[in-house]
Amino acid sequence: MARVTVKIPWVYRSWLFLVLLVSWCSGLAFFIMNRWITVEGDFGPEKHPWQFDILKIHGAAAFLMMIFYGYLLASHMPAGLKAKRERVLGLSLVAAQGVMILTAYLLYYSAGEKFREVVGYAHLIVGVTFPFLLLAHVVSGRRRKS
């Protein structure tokens, strides 16, 4: 039986990790600024002005992450499923990315304050754990390969 190649070219991998880093750092920075940092404004305490620029960076990184998500769904995932390797971690990443897209949409378009808070924490939890899930997938795949 022929071995199926599942490896992502280094250029795409490098860009994926860079975009993921920008998305992760900007998401955490926005969360911290939104929850705990205020500045004194003309009319009392207000949100830090950088918070909104950081959210714009996070949104731009998210769009790039969705492009990578499509690329991985079309190229990497079918090869991985065919190779029958790392299915649980791989499908967990697909599900996590899907949750991130759905919760981002809901955060942008939903109106209820309590609902947005719950969705925001779901987005935060999945977003914070996503790089570690990806790292586990990569490390496990490399161990199996050798």
C-alpha atoms as a PDB file:
ATOM      1  CA  MET A   1       0.000   0.000   0.000  1.00  0.00           C
ATOM      2  CA  ALA A   2       1.340   3.433  -0.967  1.00  0.00           C
ATOM      3  CA  ARG A   3       1.987   5.964   1.787  1.00  0.00           C
ATOM      4  CA  VAL A   4      -0.237   9.045   1.675  1.00  0.00           C
ATOM      5  CA  THR A   5       1.544  12.385   2.140  1.00  0.00           C
ATOM      6  CA  VAL A   6      -0.210  14.675   4.613  1.00  0.00           C
ATOM      7  CA  LYS A   7       2.484  17.298   5.206  1.00  0.00           C
ATOM      8  CA  ILE A   8       1.672  20.959   4.589  1.00  0.00           C
ATOM      9  CA  PRO A   9       4.324  22.877   2.580  1.00  0.00           C
ATOM     10  CA  TRP A  10       6.577  24.942   4.856  1.00  0.00           C
ATOM     11  CA  VAL A  11       5.518  28.277   3.310  1.00  0.00           C
ATOM     12  CA  TYR A  12       1.844  27.643   4.091  1.00  0.00           C
ATOM     13  CA  ARG A  13       2.732  26.275   7.523  1.00  0.00           C
ATOM     14  CA  SER A  14       4.799  29.375   8.324  1.00  0.00           C
ATOM     15  CA  TRP A  15       2.005  31.722   7.281  1.00  0.00           C
ATOM     16  CA  LEU A  16      -0.574  29.645   9.158  1.00  0.00           C
ATOM     17  CA  PHE A  17       1.444  29.817  12.378  1.00  0.00           C
ATOM     18  CA  LEU A  18       2.103  33.559  11.942  1.00  0.00           C
ATOM     19  CA  VAL A  19      -1.579  34.337  11.359  1.00  0.00           C
ATOM     20  CA  LEU A  20      -2.552  32.095  14.266  1.00  0.00           C
ATOM     21  CA  LEU A  21      -0.066  33.927  16.513  1.00  0.00           C
ATOM     22  CA  VAL A  22      -1.447  37.333  15.496  1.00  0.00           C
ATOM     23  CA  SER A  23      -5.021  36.137  15.992  1.00  0.00           C
ATOM     24  CA  TRP A  24      -4.256  34.566  19.371  1.00  0.00           C
ATOM     25  CA  CYS A  25      -2.278  37.523  20.748  1.00  0.00           C
ATOM     26  CA  SER A  26      -4.753  40.121  19.501  1.00  0.00           C
ATOM     27  CA  GLY A  27      -7.680  38.112  20.879  1.00  0.00           C
ATOM     28  CA  LEU A  28      -6.093  37.847  24.311  1.00  0.00           C
ATOM     29  CA  ALA A  29      -5.080  41.501  24.251  1.00  0.00           C
ATOM     30  CA  PHE A  30      -8.636  42.531  23.364  1.00  0.00           C
ATOM     31  CA  PHE A  31     -10.091  40.348  26.112  1.00  0.00           C
ATOM     32  CA  ILE A  32      -7.725  41.771  28.741  1.00  0.00           C
ATOM     33  CA  MET A  33      -8.327  45.356  27.639  1.00  0.00           C
ATOM     34  CA  ASN A  34     -12.088  44.858  27.435  1.00  0.00           C
ATOM     35  CA  ARG A  35     -12.380  43.274  30.885  1.00  0.00           C
ATOM     36  CA  TRP A  36      -9.769  44.965  33.035  1.00  0.00           C
ATOM     37  CA  ILE A  37      -8.250  48.073  31.473  1.00  0.00           C
ATOM     38  CA  THR A  38      -9.876  51.492  31.519  1.00  0.00           C
ATOM     39  CA  VAL A  39      -8.464  54.949  31.020  1.00  0.00           C
ATOM     40  CA  GLU A  40      -9.654  58.218  32.421  1.00  0.00           C
ATOM     41  CA  GLY A  41     -11.621  60.075  29.768  1.00  0.00           C
ATOM     42  CA  ASP A  42     -13.261  63.496  29.694  1.00  0.00           C
ATOM     43  CA  PHE A  43     -16.385  62.053  31.317  1.00  0.00           C
ATOM     44  CA  GLY A  44     -14.865  59.399  33.591  1.00  0.00           C
ATOM     45  CA  PRO A  45     -13.482  55.906  33.023  1.00  0.00           C
ATOM     46  CA  GLU A  46     -13.721  54.551  29.472  1.00  0.00           C
ATOM     47  CA  LYS A  47     -12.344  51.758  27.333  1.00  0.00           C
ATOM     48  CA  HIS A  48      -8.728  52.019  26.225  1.00  0.00           C
ATOM     49  CA  PRO A  49      -8.611  53.529  22.715  1.00  0.00           C
ATOM     50  CA  TRP A  50      -6.248  50.800  21.423  1.00  0.00           C
ATOM     51  CA  GLN A  51      -8.860  48.167  22.209  1.00  0.00           C
ATOM     52  CA  PHE A  52     -10.775  48.851  19.004  1.00  0.00           C
ATOM     53  CA  ASP A  53      -7.668  48.802  16.784  1.00  0.00           C
ATOM     54  CA  ILE A  54      -6.661  45.493  18.350  1.00  0.00           C
ATOM     55  CA  LEU A  55     -10.130  44.127  17.584  1.00  0.00           C
ATOM     56  CA  LYS A  56      -9.703  45.201  13.941  1.00  0.00           C
ATOM     57  CA  ILE A  57      -6.376  43.340  13.780  1.00  0.00           C
ATOM     58  CA  HIS A  58      -8.038  40.308  15.362  1.00  0.00           C
ATOM     59  CA  GLY A  59     -10.831  40.434  12.769  1.00  0.00           C
ATOM     60  CA  ALA A  60      -8.360  40.673   9.883  1.00  0.00           C
ATOM     61  CA  ALA A  61      -6.386  37.719  11.254  1.00  0.00           C
ATOM     62  CA  ALA A  62      -9.657  35.802  11.608  1.00  0.00           C
ATOM     63  CA  PHE A  63     -10.447  36.309   7.920  1.00  0.00           C
ATOM     64  CA  LEU A  64      -7.005  34.963   7.033  1.00  0.00           C
ATOM     65  CA  MET A  65      -7.561  32.020   9.392  1.00  0.00           C
ATOM     66  CA  MET A  66     -10.784  31.218   7.511  1.00  0.00           C
ATOM     67  CA  ILE A  67      -8.831  31.134   4.248  1.00  0.00           C
ATOM     68  CA  PHE A  68      -6.377  28.682   5.817  1.00  0.00           C
ATOM     69  CA  TYR A  69      -9.327  26.700   7.177  1.00  0.00           C
ATOM     70  CA  GLY A  70     -10.661  26.321   3.632  1.00  0.00           C
ATOM     71  CA  TYR A  71      -7.231  25.351   2.327  1.00  0.00           C
ATOM     72  CA  LEU A  72      -6.811  22.722   5.042  1.00  0.00           C
ATOM     73  CA  LEU A  73     -10.314  21.341   4.504  1.00  0.00           C
ATOM     74  CA  ALA A  74      -9.645  20.967   0.785  1.00  0.00           C
ATOM     75  CA  SER A  75      -6.091  19.623   0.846  1.00  0.00           C
ATOM     76  CA  HIS A  76      -4.747  18.478   4.183  1.00  0.00           C
ATOM     77  CA  MET A  77      -7.852  16.943   5.701  1.00  0.00           C
ATOM     78  CA  PRO A  78      -8.784  14.550   2.853  1.00  0.00           C
ATOM     79  CA  ALA A  79      -5.195  13.270   2.753  1.00  0.00           C
ATOM     80  CA  GLY A  80      -5.196  12.875   6.536  1.00  0.00           C
ATOM     81  CA  LEU A  81      -8.470  10.971   6.503  1.00  0.00           C
ATOM     82  CA  LYS A  82      -7.154   8.728   3.745  1.00  0.00           C
ATOM     83  CA  ALA A  83      -3.970   8.055   5.722  1.00  0.00           C
ATOM     84  CA  LYS A  84      -6.089   7.194   8.788  1.00  0.00           C
ATOM     85  CA  ARG A  85      -3.766   9.165  11.068  1.00  0.00           C
ATOM     86  CA  GLU A  86      -4.495  11.785  13.705  1.00  0.00           C
ATOM     87  CA  ARG A  87      -8.241  11.684  13.046  1.00  0.00           C
ATOM     88  CA  VAL A  88      -9.372  12.608  16.561  1.00  0.00           C
ATOM     89  CA  LEU A  89      -7.060  15.605  16.900  1.00  0.00           C
ATOM     90  CA  GLY A  90      -7.609  16.650  13.292  1.00  0.00           C
ATOM     91  CA  LEU A  91     -11.390  16.512  13.525  1.00  0.00           C
ATOM     92  CA  SER A  92     -11.179  18.301  16.886  1.00  0.00           C
ATOM     93  CA  LEU A  93      -9.318  21.129  15.149  1.00  0.00           C
ATOM     94  CA  VAL A  94     -11.962  21.270  12.418  1.00  0.00           C
ATOM     95  CA  ALA A  95     -14.713  21.420  15.043  1.00  0.00           C
ATOM     96  CA  ALA A  96     -12.858  24.043  17.092  1.00  0.00           C
ATOM     97  CA  GLN A  97     -12.359  26.249  14.040  1.00  0.00           C
ATOM     98  CA  GLY A  98     -16.036  25.853  13.194  1.00  0.00           C
ATOM     99  CA  VAL A  99     -16.979  26.916  16.723  1.00  0.00           C
ATOM    100  CA  MET A 100     -14.664  29.916  16.438  1.00  0.00           C
ATOM    101  CA  ILE A 101     -16.320  31.014  13.179  1.00  0.00           C
ATOM    102  CA  LEU A 102     -19.833  30.531  14.577  1.00  0.00           C
ATOM    103  CA  THR A 103     -19.135  32.322  17.856  1.00  0.00           C
ATOM    104  CA  ALA A 104     -17.388  35.192  16.051  1.00  0.00           C
ATOM    105  CA  TYR A 105     -20.461  35.610  13.848  1.00  0.00           C
ATOM    106  CA  LEU A 106     -22.736  35.544  16.898  1.00  0.00           C
ATOM    107  CA  LEU A 107     -20.564  38.062  18.736  1.00  0.00           C
ATOM    108  CA  TYR A 108     -20.735  40.406  15.773  1.00  0.00           C
ATOM    109  CA  TYR A 109     -24.459  40.108  15.103  1.00  0.00           C
ATOM    110  CA  SER A 110     -26.218  39.076  18.340  1.00  0.00           C
ATOM    111  CA  ALA A 111     -27.864  41.688  20.513  1.00  0.00           C
ATOM    112  CA  GLY A 112     -28.623  40.132  23.916  1.00  0.00           C
ATOM    113  CA  GLU A 113     -26.035  41.164  26.488  1.00  0.00           C
ATOM    114  CA  LYS A 114     -26.164  37.923  28.532  1.00  0.00           C
ATOM    115  CA  PHE A 115     -26.098  35.796  25.361  1.00  0.00           C
ATOM    116  CA  ARG A 116     -23.099  37.742  24.041  1.00  0.00           C
ATOM    117  CA  GLU A 117     -21.285  37.185  27.339  1.00  0.00           C
ATOM    118  CA  VAL A 118     -21.813  33.405  27.165  1.00  0.00           C
ATOM    119  CA  VAL A 119     -20.811  33.296  23.492  1.00  0.00           C
ATOM    120  CA  GLY A 120     -17.802  35.514  24.239  1.00  0.00           C
ATOM    121  CA  TYR A 121     -16.527  33.126  26.886  1.00  0.00           C
ATOM    122  CA  ALA A 122     -17.078  30.140  24.565  1.00  0.00           C
ATOM    123  CA  HIS A 123     -15.066  31.978  21.886  1.00  0.00           C
ATOM    124  CA  LEU A 124     -12.351  32.777  24.437  1.00  0.00           C
ATOM    125  CA  ILE A 125     -12.067  29.214  25.770  1.00  0.00           C
ATOM    126  CA  VAL A 126     -11.905  27.598  22.334  1.00  0.00           C
ATOM    127  CA  GLY A 127      -9.585  30.351  21.058  1.00  0.00           C
ATOM    128  CA  VAL A 128      -7.142  30.041  23.944  1.00  0.00           C
ATOM    129  CA  THR A 129      -6.987  26.248  23.638  1.00  0.00           C
ATOM    130  CA  PHE A 130      -6.792  26.151  19.817  1.00  0.00           C
ATOM    131  CA  PRO A 131      -2.986  26.608  19.478  1.00  0.00           C
ATOM    132  CA  PHE A 132      -2.378  23.865  22.048  1.00  0.00           C
ATOM    133  CA  LEU A 133      -4.709  21.524  20.196  1.00  0.00           C
ATOM    134  CA  LEU A 134      -2.846  22.318  16.973  1.00  0.00           C
ATOM    135  CA  LEU A 135       0.507  21.752  18.689  1.00  0.00           C
ATOM    136  CA  ALA A 136      -0.692  18.359  19.962  1.00  0.00           C
ATOM    137  CA  HIS A 137      -1.822  17.467  16.426  1.00  0.00           C
ATOM    138  CA  VAL A 138       1.537  18.438  14.905  1.00  0.00           C
ATOM    139  CA  VAL A 139       3.657  16.735  17.591  1.00  0.00           C
ATOM    140  CA  SER A 140       1.565  13.569  17.500  1.00  0.00           C
ATOM    141  CA  GLY A 141       1.759  13.454  13.707  1.00  0.00           C
ATOM    142  CA  ARG A 142       5.526  13.836  13.761  1.00  0.00           C
ATOM    143  CA  ARG A 143       5.912  11.100  16.392  1.00  0.00           C
ATOM    144  CA  ARG A 144       3.821   8.673  14.365  1.00  0.00           C
ATOM    145  CA  LYS A 145       5.780   9.476  11.234  1.00  0.00           C
ATOM    146  CA  SER A 146       9.124   8.543  12.751  1.00  0.00           C
END
